[in-house]
Amino acid sequence: MVIIAVVAIVVASGGGGSGGGPLNAIAKAAEVTQREPGGRATLHSTVESSTTPEGITETGPMVFDNSGRAEGTITVKGLSTGREFTITTIADGTTSYTTSPVPDSIPEGKKWVEIDLPSAPSKTGAPPANGPKEGLKVLESVEEAEKIGEEDVDGVPTTRYRGTFPHAEEFFGVKVDVSEPQVEVWVDGKERVRRTHVSLESAVSGAEDSAATTDITIDYESFGRVPEIEVPPADEVWNGTAELESKLQSASEGN
């Protein structure tokens, strides 16, 4: 699960901006969508790795508010085992809070695991993004966007584009090998993002059992103000950033 978390975070790592030139269609749509006061979305992702060859799916609804915070209720399921559990995750900028499906994996009395992504700058110098609205910022750095067709998304006419975006080369000081991420984005008539799809392969350098293939789709279903999202009370939170860093370092060293 540690490597799966790394993959998801690397996907949301950017190279930092559109360079100041004219925005391409994807970057323009990302900018326009961020002006919305909030909205609702649905996540669907599949992860396959050497430690989870049966595959794992993560699906569930998310909301994002005017401040950029996001909250989702995600069901995680093993495709062959059928085992599943549900987590709640809250993204506040580059900090995430997640309920643990294994209560004894965190200190007694704590309910949430906090991960501080600013502690893990990428080699490109851009901090990883987190949540639907933060993810839109990543799209501003997409390069070589091309139109590949037109189709409806949940009954809404859209134009479909494809492009590539920069990605992190290091995470917590650990080198990460990532295939060049390609992103597909469906844009509606108001120049808003309606769907994003990313697929890539990644691994911690030197760790043969860390290879993973990740496929992520986010559907932006509606836009409009939603209730303000609150972060968990401090006394219910355990910061797992140092432990994640330690596990990644051990993986890279073959331990």
C-alpha atoms as a PDB file:
ATOM      1  CA  MET A   1       0.000   0.000   0.000  1.00  0.00           C
ATOM      2  CA  VAL A   2       2.936   2.326   0.572  1.00  0.00           C
ATOM      3  CA  ILE A   3       4.012   2.116  -3.053  1.00  0.00           C
ATOM      4  CA  ILE A   4       0.412   2.616  -4.188  1.00  0.00           C
ATOM      5  CA  ALA A   5       0.302   5.836  -2.180  1.00  0.00           C
ATOM      6  CA  VAL A   6       3.524   6.970  -3.837  1.00  0.00           C
ATOM      7  CA  VAL A   7       2.104   6.329  -7.297  1.00  0.00           C
ATOM      8  CA  ALA A   8      -1.017   8.375  -6.580  1.00  0.00           C
ATOM      9  CA  ILE A   9       1.069  11.258  -5.252  1.00  0.00           C
ATOM     10  CA  VAL A  10       3.533  11.191  -8.141  1.00  0.00           C
ATOM     11  CA  VAL A  11       0.633  11.356 -10.599  1.00  0.00           C
ATOM     12  CA  ALA A  12      -0.321  14.647  -8.975  1.00  0.00           C
ATOM     13  CA  SER A  13       3.160  16.106  -9.093  1.00  0.00           C
ATOM     14  CA  GLY A  14       3.755  18.933 -11.515  1.00  0.00           C
ATOM     15  CA  GLY A  15       6.539  20.823 -13.147  1.00  0.00           C
ATOM     16  CA  GLY A  16       5.243  24.161 -12.027  1.00  0.00           C
ATOM     17  CA  GLY A  17       3.197  26.314 -14.342  1.00  0.00           C
ATOM     18  CA  SER A  18       2.527  26.961 -17.985  1.00  0.00           C
ATOM     19  CA  GLY A  19       5.634  29.032 -18.636  1.00  0.00           C
ATOM     20  CA  GLY A  20       3.860  32.346 -19.136  1.00  0.00           C
ATOM     21  CA  GLY A  21       2.940  31.763 -22.785  1.00  0.00           C
ATOM     22  CA  PRO A  22      -0.518  31.322 -24.312  1.00  0.00           C
ATOM     23  CA  LEU A  23      -2.465  28.582 -22.547  1.00  0.00           C
ATOM     24  CA  ASN A  24      -3.312  25.480 -24.555  1.00  0.00           C
ATOM     25  CA  ALA A  25      -6.866  24.081 -24.450  1.00  0.00           C
ATOM     26  CA  ILE A  26      -6.240  21.824 -21.432  1.00  0.00           C
ATOM     27  CA  ALA A  27      -4.437  24.488 -19.407  1.00  0.00           C
ATOM     28  CA  LYS A  28      -7.141  27.019 -20.260  1.00  0.00           C
ATOM     29  CA  ALA A  29      -9.887  24.652 -19.120  1.00  0.00           C
ATOM     30  CA  ALA A  30      -8.034  23.980 -15.862  1.00  0.00           C
ATOM     31  CA  GLU A  31      -7.809  27.709 -15.210  1.00  0.00           C
ATOM     32  CA  VAL A  32     -11.500  28.285 -15.975  1.00  0.00           C
ATOM     33  CA  THR A  33     -12.649  25.357 -13.829  1.00  0.00           C
ATOM     34  CA  GLN A  34     -10.731  26.629 -10.808  1.00  0.00           C
ATOM     35  CA  ARG A  35     -12.921  29.747 -10.827  1.00  0.00           C
ATOM     36  CA  GLU A  36     -15.916  27.616  -9.880  1.00  0.00           C
ATOM     37  CA  PRO A  37     -16.884  27.999  -6.187  1.00  0.00           C
ATOM     38  CA  GLY A  38     -16.901  24.246  -5.678  1.00  0.00           C
ATOM     39  CA  GLY A  39     -18.381  21.096  -7.068  1.00  0.00           C
ATOM     40  CA  ARG A  40     -18.816  17.355  -7.006  1.00  0.00           C
ATOM     41  CA  ALA A  41     -16.750  14.657  -8.663  1.00  0.00           C
ATOM     42  CA  THR A  42     -16.287  10.890  -8.764  1.00  0.00           C
ATOM     43  CA  LEU A  43     -12.980   9.037  -8.601  1.00  0.00           C
ATOM     44  CA  HIS A  44     -12.265   5.674 -10.189  1.00  0.00           C
ATOM     45  CA  SER A  45      -8.764   4.236 -10.150  1.00  0.00           C
ATOM     46  CA  THR A  46      -7.128   0.859 -10.666  1.00  0.00           C
ATOM     47  CA  VAL A  47      -3.686  -0.105  -9.379  1.00  0.00           C
ATOM     48  CA  GLU A  48      -1.733  -3.238 -10.254  1.00  0.00           C
ATOM     49  CA  SER A  49       1.669  -3.956  -8.743  1.00  0.00           C
ATOM     50  CA  SER A  50       4.039  -6.807  -7.960  1.00  0.00           C
ATOM     51  CA  THR A  51       2.690  -6.889  -4.403  1.00  0.00           C
ATOM     52  CA  THR A  52      -0.954  -6.661  -5.507  1.00  0.00           C
ATOM     53  CA  PRO A  53      -1.055  -8.602  -8.821  1.00  0.00           C
ATOM     54  CA  GLU A  54      -4.807  -9.152  -8.470  1.00  0.00           C
ATOM     55  CA  GLY A  55      -5.363  -5.425  -8.779  1.00  0.00           C
ATOM     56  CA  ILE A  56      -7.026  -2.905  -6.510  1.00  0.00           C
ATOM     57  CA  THR A  57      -9.806  -0.480  -7.371  1.00  0.00           C
ATOM     58  CA  GLU A  58     -10.555   2.778  -5.586  1.00  0.00           C
ATOM     59  CA  THR A  59     -13.939   4.395  -6.288  1.00  0.00           C
ATOM     60  CA  GLY A  60     -16.146   6.973  -4.658  1.00  0.00           C
ATOM     61  CA  PRO A  61     -17.683  10.452  -4.635  1.00  0.00           C
ATOM     62  CA  MET A  62     -15.784  13.636  -3.772  1.00  0.00           C
ATOM     63  CA  VAL A  63     -16.705  17.254  -3.142  1.00  0.00           C
ATOM     64  CA  PHE A  64     -14.482  20.323  -3.291  1.00  0.00           C
ATOM     65  CA  ASP A  65     -15.220  23.724  -1.776  1.00  0.00           C
ATOM     66  CA  ASN A  66     -14.323  27.308  -2.606  1.00  0.00           C
ATOM     67  CA  SER A  67     -11.109  27.171  -0.549  1.00  0.00           C
ATOM     68  CA  GLY A  68      -9.796  24.221  -2.561  1.00  0.00           C
ATOM     69  CA  ARG A  69     -10.328  21.630   0.169  1.00  0.00           C
ATOM     70  CA  ALA A  70     -11.732  18.289  -0.962  1.00  0.00           C
ATOM     71  CA  GLU A  71     -13.384  15.363   0.813  1.00  0.00           C
ATOM     72  CA  GLY A  72     -14.126  11.900  -0.501  1.00  0.00           C
ATOM     73  CA  THR A  73     -15.545   8.577   0.652  1.00  0.00           C
ATOM     74  CA  ILE A  74     -13.508   5.970  -1.188  1.00  0.00           C
ATOM     75  CA  THR A  75     -14.161   2.229  -1.389  1.00  0.00           C
ATOM     76  CA  VAL A  76     -10.990   0.166  -1.852  1.00  0.00           C
ATOM     77  CA  LYS A  77     -11.477  -3.349  -3.221  1.00  0.00           C
ATOM     78  CA  GLY A  78      -9.222  -6.240  -4.203  1.00  0.00           C
ATOM     79  CA  LEU A  79     -10.345  -7.471  -7.633  1.00  0.00           C
ATOM     80  CA  SER A  80      -9.638 -11.170  -7.025  1.00  0.00           C
ATOM     81  CA  THR A  81      -9.994 -11.394  -3.243  1.00  0.00           C
ATOM     82  CA  GLY A  82     -13.185  -9.334  -3.074  1.00  0.00           C
ATOM     83  CA  ARG A  83     -11.970  -7.839   0.210  1.00  0.00           C
ATOM     84  CA  GLU A  84     -12.995  -4.240   0.539  1.00  0.00           C
ATOM     85  CA  PHE A  85     -12.992  -1.373   2.999  1.00  0.00           C
ATOM     86  CA  THR A  86     -14.034   2.264   2.946  1.00  0.00           C
ATOM     87  CA  ILE A  87     -11.925   5.254   3.884  1.00  0.00           C
ATOM     88  CA  THR A  88     -12.617   8.951   4.161  1.00  0.00           C
ATOM     89  CA  THR A  89      -9.964  11.283   2.831  1.00  0.00           C
ATOM     90  CA  ILE A  90      -9.683  15.059   3.176  1.00  0.00           C
ATOM     91  CA  ALA A  91      -7.251  17.139   1.125  1.00  0.00           C
ATOM     92  CA  ASP A  92      -6.234  20.589   2.322  1.00  0.00           C
ATOM     93  CA  GLY A  93      -3.762  22.004  -0.178  1.00  0.00           C
ATOM     94  CA  THR A  94      -0.743  19.693  -0.024  1.00  0.00           C
ATOM     95  CA  THR A  95      -1.764  18.039   3.253  1.00  0.00           C
ATOM     96  CA  SER A  96      -3.992  14.970   3.308  1.00  0.00           C
ATOM     97  CA  TYR A  97      -5.935  13.301   6.124  1.00  0.00           C
ATOM     98  CA  THR A  98      -7.159   9.711   5.770  1.00  0.00           C
ATOM     99  CA  THR A  99      -9.079   7.432   8.102  1.00  0.00           C
ATOM    100  CA  SER A 100      -7.219   4.184   8.689  1.00  0.00           C
ATOM    101  CA  PRO A 101      -8.919   0.860   7.822  1.00  0.00           C
ATOM    102  CA  VAL A 102      -6.579  -0.791  10.362  1.00  0.00           C
ATOM    103  CA  PRO A 103      -7.068   0.997  13.708  1.00  0.00           C
ATOM    104  CA  ASP A 104      -4.088  -0.677  15.386  1.00  0.00           C
ATOM    105  CA  SER A 105      -1.751   0.719  12.705  1.00  0.00           C
ATOM    106  CA  ILE A 106      -1.927   4.163  14.318  1.00  0.00           C
ATOM    107  CA  PRO A 107      -1.540   5.261  17.960  1.00  0.00           C
ATOM    108  CA  GLU A 108      -4.444   4.623  20.294  1.00  0.00           C
ATOM    109  CA  GLY A 109      -6.981   7.443  20.348  1.00  0.00           C
ATOM    110  CA  LYS A 110      -6.116   8.673  16.851  1.00  0.00           C
ATOM    111  CA  LYS A 111      -8.537   8.333  13.938  1.00  0.00           C
ATOM    112  CA  TRP A 112      -6.739  10.058  11.056  1.00  0.00           C
ATOM    113  CA  VAL A 113      -3.364   9.703   9.320  1.00  0.00           C
ATOM    114  CA  GLU A 114      -1.855  12.992   8.135  1.00  0.00           C
ATOM    115  CA  ILE A 115       0.645  13.161   5.275  1.00  0.00           C
ATOM    116  CA  ASP A 116       2.431  16.463   4.613  1.00  0.00           C
ATOM    117  CA  LEU A 117       3.396  16.547   0.962  1.00  0.00           C
ATOM    118  CA  PRO A 118       5.403  19.824   1.250  1.00  0.00           C
ATOM    119  CA  SER A 119       7.940  17.692   3.133  1.00  0.00           C
ATOM    120  CA  ALA A 120       8.522  15.780  -0.101  1.00  0.00           C
ATOM    121  CA  PRO A 121       9.595  18.300  -2.768  1.00  0.00           C
ATOM    122  CA  SER A 122      10.182  16.845  -6.198  1.00  0.00           C
ATOM    123  CA  LYS A 123      13.407  17.264  -8.137  1.00  0.00           C
ATOM    124  CA  THR A 124      11.516  19.683 -10.393  1.00  0.00           C
ATOM    125  CA  GLY A 125      10.992  21.983  -7.407  1.00  0.00           C
ATOM    126  CA  ALA A 126       7.202  21.839  -7.492  1.00  0.00           C
ATOM    127  CA  PRO A 127       5.317  20.411  -4.499  1.00  0.00           C
ATOM    128  CA  PRO A 128       2.932  17.519  -5.167  1.00  0.00           C
ATOM    129  CA  ALA A 129      -0.735  18.440  -5.565  1.00  0.00           C
ATOM    130  CA  ASN A 130      -3.621  16.885  -3.674  1.00  0.00           C
ATOM    131  CA  GLY A 131      -7.368  16.771  -4.316  1.00  0.00           C
ATOM    132  CA  PRO A 132      -9.565  17.639  -7.343  1.00  0.00           C
ATOM    133  CA  LYS A 133      -9.000  21.392  -7.296  1.00  0.00           C
ATOM    134  CA  GLU A 134      -5.259  21.073  -6.618  1.00  0.00           C
ATOM    135  CA  GLY A 135      -5.168  18.516  -9.435  1.00  0.00           C
ATOM    136  CA  LEU A 136      -6.583  21.124 -11.791  1.00  0.00           C
ATOM    137  CA  LYS A 137      -3.516  23.274 -11.097  1.00  0.00           C
ATOM    138  CA  VAL A 138      -1.361  20.433 -12.408  1.00  0.00           C
ATOM    139  CA  LEU A 139      -3.233  20.555 -15.719  1.00  0.00           C
ATOM    140  CA  GLU A 140      -1.988  24.117 -16.230  1.00  0.00           C
ATOM    141  CA  SER A 141       1.447  22.637 -16.968  1.00  0.00           C
ATOM    142  CA  VAL A 142       0.232  20.199 -19.641  1.00  0.00           C
ATOM    143  CA  GLU A 143       2.266  20.328 -22.823  1.00  0.00           C
ATOM    144  CA  GLU A 144       1.493  19.510 -26.463  1.00  0.00           C
ATOM    145  CA  ALA A 145      -2.285  19.349 -26.023  1.00  0.00           C
ATOM    146  CA  GLU A 146      -4.049  17.993 -29.101  1.00  0.00           C
ATOM    147  CA  LYS A 147      -7.713  17.527 -29.946  1.00  0.00           C
ATOM    148  CA  ILE A 148      -8.614  13.883 -30.469  1.00  0.00           C
ATOM    149  CA  GLY A 149     -12.394  13.964 -30.817  1.00  0.00           C
ATOM    150  CA  GLU A 150     -15.776  14.941 -29.457  1.00  0.00           C
ATOM    151  CA  GLU A 151     -18.056  12.901 -27.210  1.00  0.00           C
ATOM    152  CA  ASP A 152     -20.608  13.176 -24.406  1.00  0.00           C
ATOM    153  CA  VAL A 153     -19.638  12.789 -20.746  1.00  0.00           C
ATOM    154  CA  ASP A 154     -22.654  12.003 -18.569  1.00  0.00           C
ATOM    155  CA  GLY A 155     -24.871  13.563 -21.233  1.00  0.00           C
ATOM    156  CA  VAL A 156     -22.760  16.726 -21.579  1.00  0.00           C
ATOM    157  CA  PRO A 157     -21.174  17.406 -25.020  1.00  0.00           C
ATOM    158  CA  THR A 158     -17.390  17.749 -24.683  1.00  0.00           C
ATOM    159  CA  THR A 159     -14.204  18.024 -26.707  1.00  0.00           C
ATOM    160  CA  ARG A 160     -11.524  15.476 -25.851  1.00  0.00           C
ATOM    161  CA  TYR A 161      -7.853  16.457 -25.677  1.00  0.00           C
ATOM    162  CA  ARG A 162      -4.602  14.618 -24.957  1.00  0.00           C
ATOM    163  CA  GLY A 163      -1.308  15.979 -23.614  1.00  0.00           C
ATOM    164  CA  THR A 164       1.663  15.257 -21.373  1.00  0.00           C
ATOM    165  CA  PHE A 165       2.820  16.907 -18.152  1.00  0.00           C
ATOM    166  CA  PRO A 166       6.040  17.035 -16.119  1.00  0.00           C
ATOM    167  CA  HIS A 167       6.359  14.670 -13.175  1.00  0.00           C
ATOM    168  CA  ALA A 168       8.442  14.287 -10.054  1.00  0.00           C
ATOM    169  CA  GLU A 169      11.787  12.504 -10.307  1.00  0.00           C
ATOM    170  CA  GLU A 170      12.329  12.300  -6.572  1.00  0.00           C
ATOM    171  CA  PHE A 171      10.046  11.873  -3.602  1.00  0.00           C
ATOM    172  CA  PHE A 172      11.311  12.220  -0.016  1.00  0.00           C
ATOM    173  CA  GLY A 173      14.787  12.086  -1.528  1.00  0.00           C
ATOM    174  CA  VAL A 174      14.049   8.733  -3.207  1.00  0.00           C
ATOM    175  CA  LYS A 175      14.440   8.498  -6.981  1.00  0.00           C
ATOM    176  CA  VAL A 176      11.199   7.429  -8.675  1.00  0.00           C
ATOM    177  CA  ASP A 177      11.072   6.053 -12.231  1.00  0.00           C
ATOM    178  CA  VAL A 178       7.860   7.157 -13.944  1.00  0.00           C
ATOM    179  CA  SER A 179       6.736   6.689 -17.523  1.00  0.00           C
ATOM    180  CA  GLU A 180       5.914   9.988 -19.211  1.00  0.00           C
ATOM    181  CA  PRO A 181       2.383  10.648 -17.933  1.00  0.00           C
ATOM    182  CA  GLN A 182      -0.198  11.158 -20.627  1.00  0.00           C
ATOM    183  CA  VAL A 183      -3.412  12.858 -19.632  1.00  0.00           C
ATOM    184  CA  GLU A 184      -6.719  13.007 -21.470  1.00  0.00           C
ATOM    185  CA  VAL A 185      -9.150  15.796 -20.627  1.00  0.00           C
ATOM    186  CA  TRP A 186     -12.757  16.272 -21.696  1.00  0.00           C
ATOM    187  CA  VAL A 187     -13.783  19.963 -21.870  1.00  0.00           C
ATOM    188  CA  ASP A 188     -17.377  21.215 -22.041  1.00  0.00           C
ATOM    189  CA  GLY A 189     -18.831  24.165 -23.983  1.00  0.00           C
ATOM    190  CA  LYS A 190     -18.078  26.542 -21.087  1.00  0.00           C
ATOM    191  CA  GLU A 191     -14.389  25.537 -21.213  1.00  0.00           C
ATOM    192  CA  ARG A 192     -14.648  23.582 -17.958  1.00  0.00           C
ATOM    193  CA  VAL A 193     -13.003  20.228 -17.258  1.00  0.00           C
ATOM    194  CA  ARG A 194     -15.571  17.434 -17.151  1.00  0.00           C
ATOM    195  CA  ARG A 195     -13.286  14.384 -17.033  1.00  0.00           C
ATOM    196  CA  THR A 196      -9.587  13.649 -16.625  1.00  0.00           C
ATOM    197  CA  HIS A 197      -7.836  10.347 -17.258  1.00  0.00           C
ATOM    198  CA  VAL A 198      -4.227   9.480 -16.457  1.00  0.00           C
ATOM    199  CA  SER A 199      -2.409   6.176 -16.922  1.00  0.00           C
ATOM    200  CA  LEU A 200       1.230   5.528 -16.091  1.00  0.00           C
ATOM    201  CA  GLU A 201       3.803   3.060 -14.815  1.00  0.00           C
ATOM    202  CA  SER A 202       6.097   3.827 -11.893  1.00  0.00           C
ATOM    203  CA  ALA A 203       8.586   2.283  -9.479  1.00  0.00           C
ATOM    204  CA  VAL A 204      11.017   3.237  -6.753  1.00  0.00           C
ATOM    205  CA  SER A 205      14.474   3.047  -8.349  1.00  0.00           C
ATOM    206  CA  GLY A 206      16.321  -0.059  -7.251  1.00  0.00           C
ATOM    207  CA  ALA A 207      13.244  -1.731  -5.769  1.00  0.00           C
ATOM    208  CA  GLU A 208      12.123  -4.478  -8.150  1.00  0.00           C
ATOM    209  CA  ASP A 209       8.970  -5.250  -6.146  1.00  0.00           C
ATOM    210  CA  SER A 210       7.742  -1.640  -6.260  1.00  0.00           C
ATOM    211  CA  ALA A 211       6.624  -1.518  -9.904  1.00  0.00           C
ATOM    212  CA  ALA A 212       3.028  -0.399 -10.320  1.00  0.00           C
ATOM    213  CA  THR A 213       0.607   0.530 -13.074  1.00  0.00           C
ATOM    214  CA  THR A 214      -1.967   3.160 -12.186  1.00  0.00           C
ATOM    215  CA  ASP A 215      -5.075   4.225 -14.092  1.00  0.00           C
ATOM    216  CA  ILE A 216      -7.067   7.169 -12.700  1.00  0.00           C
ATOM    217  CA  THR A 217     -10.270   8.803 -13.932  1.00  0.00           C
ATOM    218  CA  ILE A 218     -11.993  11.766 -12.287  1.00  0.00           C
ATOM    219  CA  ASP A 219     -15.431  12.872 -13.496  1.00  0.00           C
ATOM    220  CA  TYR A 220     -16.396  16.453 -12.587  1.00  0.00           C
ATOM    221  CA  GLU A 221     -20.165  15.975 -12.410  1.00  0.00           C
ATOM    222  CA  SER A 222     -21.464  19.348 -11.229  1.00  0.00           C
ATOM    223  CA  PHE A 223     -20.276  22.791 -10.166  1.00  0.00           C
ATOM    224  CA  GLY A 224     -21.533  25.136  -7.465  1.00  0.00           C
ATOM    225  CA  ARG A 225     -20.985  26.076  -3.859  1.00  0.00           C
ATOM    226  CA  VAL A 226     -20.857  23.223  -1.331  1.00  0.00           C
ATOM    227  CA  PRO A 227     -20.655  23.343   2.495  1.00  0.00           C
ATOM    228  CA  GLU A 228     -17.225  24.296   3.830  1.00  0.00           C
ATOM    229  CA  ILE A 229     -15.059  21.234   4.419  1.00  0.00           C
ATOM    230  CA  GLU A 230     -13.498  20.980   7.886  1.00  0.00           C
ATOM    231  CA  VAL A 231     -10.169  19.313   8.639  1.00  0.00           C
ATOM    232  CA  PRO A 232     -10.091  16.764  11.505  1.00  0.00           C
ATOM    233  CA  PRO A 233      -9.484  17.944  15.107  1.00  0.00           C
ATOM    234  CA  ALA A 234      -5.764  18.008  15.920  1.00  0.00           C
ATOM    235  CA  ASP A 235      -6.179  15.598  18.854  1.00  0.00           C
ATOM    236  CA  GLU A 236      -7.551  12.910  16.500  1.00  0.00           C
ATOM    237  CA  VAL A 237      -4.679  13.144  14.001  1.00  0.00           C
ATOM    238  CA  TRP A 238      -1.419  11.171  13.805  1.00  0.00           C
ATOM    239  CA  ASN A 239       1.241  12.475  11.425  1.00  0.00           C
ATOM    240  CA  GLY A 240       2.528   9.550   9.356  1.00  0.00           C
ATOM    241  CA  THR A 241       4.831  11.561   7.085  1.00  0.00           C
ATOM    242  CA  ALA A 242       8.069  10.404   8.747  1.00  0.00           C
ATOM    243  CA  GLU A 243       7.006   6.754   8.666  1.00  0.00           C
ATOM    244  CA  LEU A 244       6.115   6.953   4.977  1.00  0.00           C
ATOM    245  CA  GLU A 245       9.485   8.535   4.247  1.00  0.00           C
ATOM    246  CA  SER A 246      11.237   5.781   6.190  1.00  0.00           C
ATOM    247  CA  LYS A 247       9.406   3.018   4.314  1.00  0.00           C
ATOM    248  CA  LEU A 248      10.233   4.563   0.969  1.00  0.00           C
ATOM    249  CA  GLN A 249      13.881   4.888   1.911  1.00  0.00           C
ATOM    250  CA  SER A 250      13.929   1.214   2.978  1.00  0.00           C
ATOM    251  CA  ALA A 251      12.298   0.155  -0.296  1.00  0.00           C
ATOM    252  CA  SER A 252      14.889   2.062  -2.316  1.00  0.00           C
ATOM    253  CA  GLU A 253      17.674   0.347  -0.356  1.00  0.00           C
ATOM    254  CA  GLY A 254      16.183  -3.083  -0.945  1.00  0.00           C
ATOM    255  CA  ASN A 255      15.205  -3.675   2.677  1.00  0.00           C
END
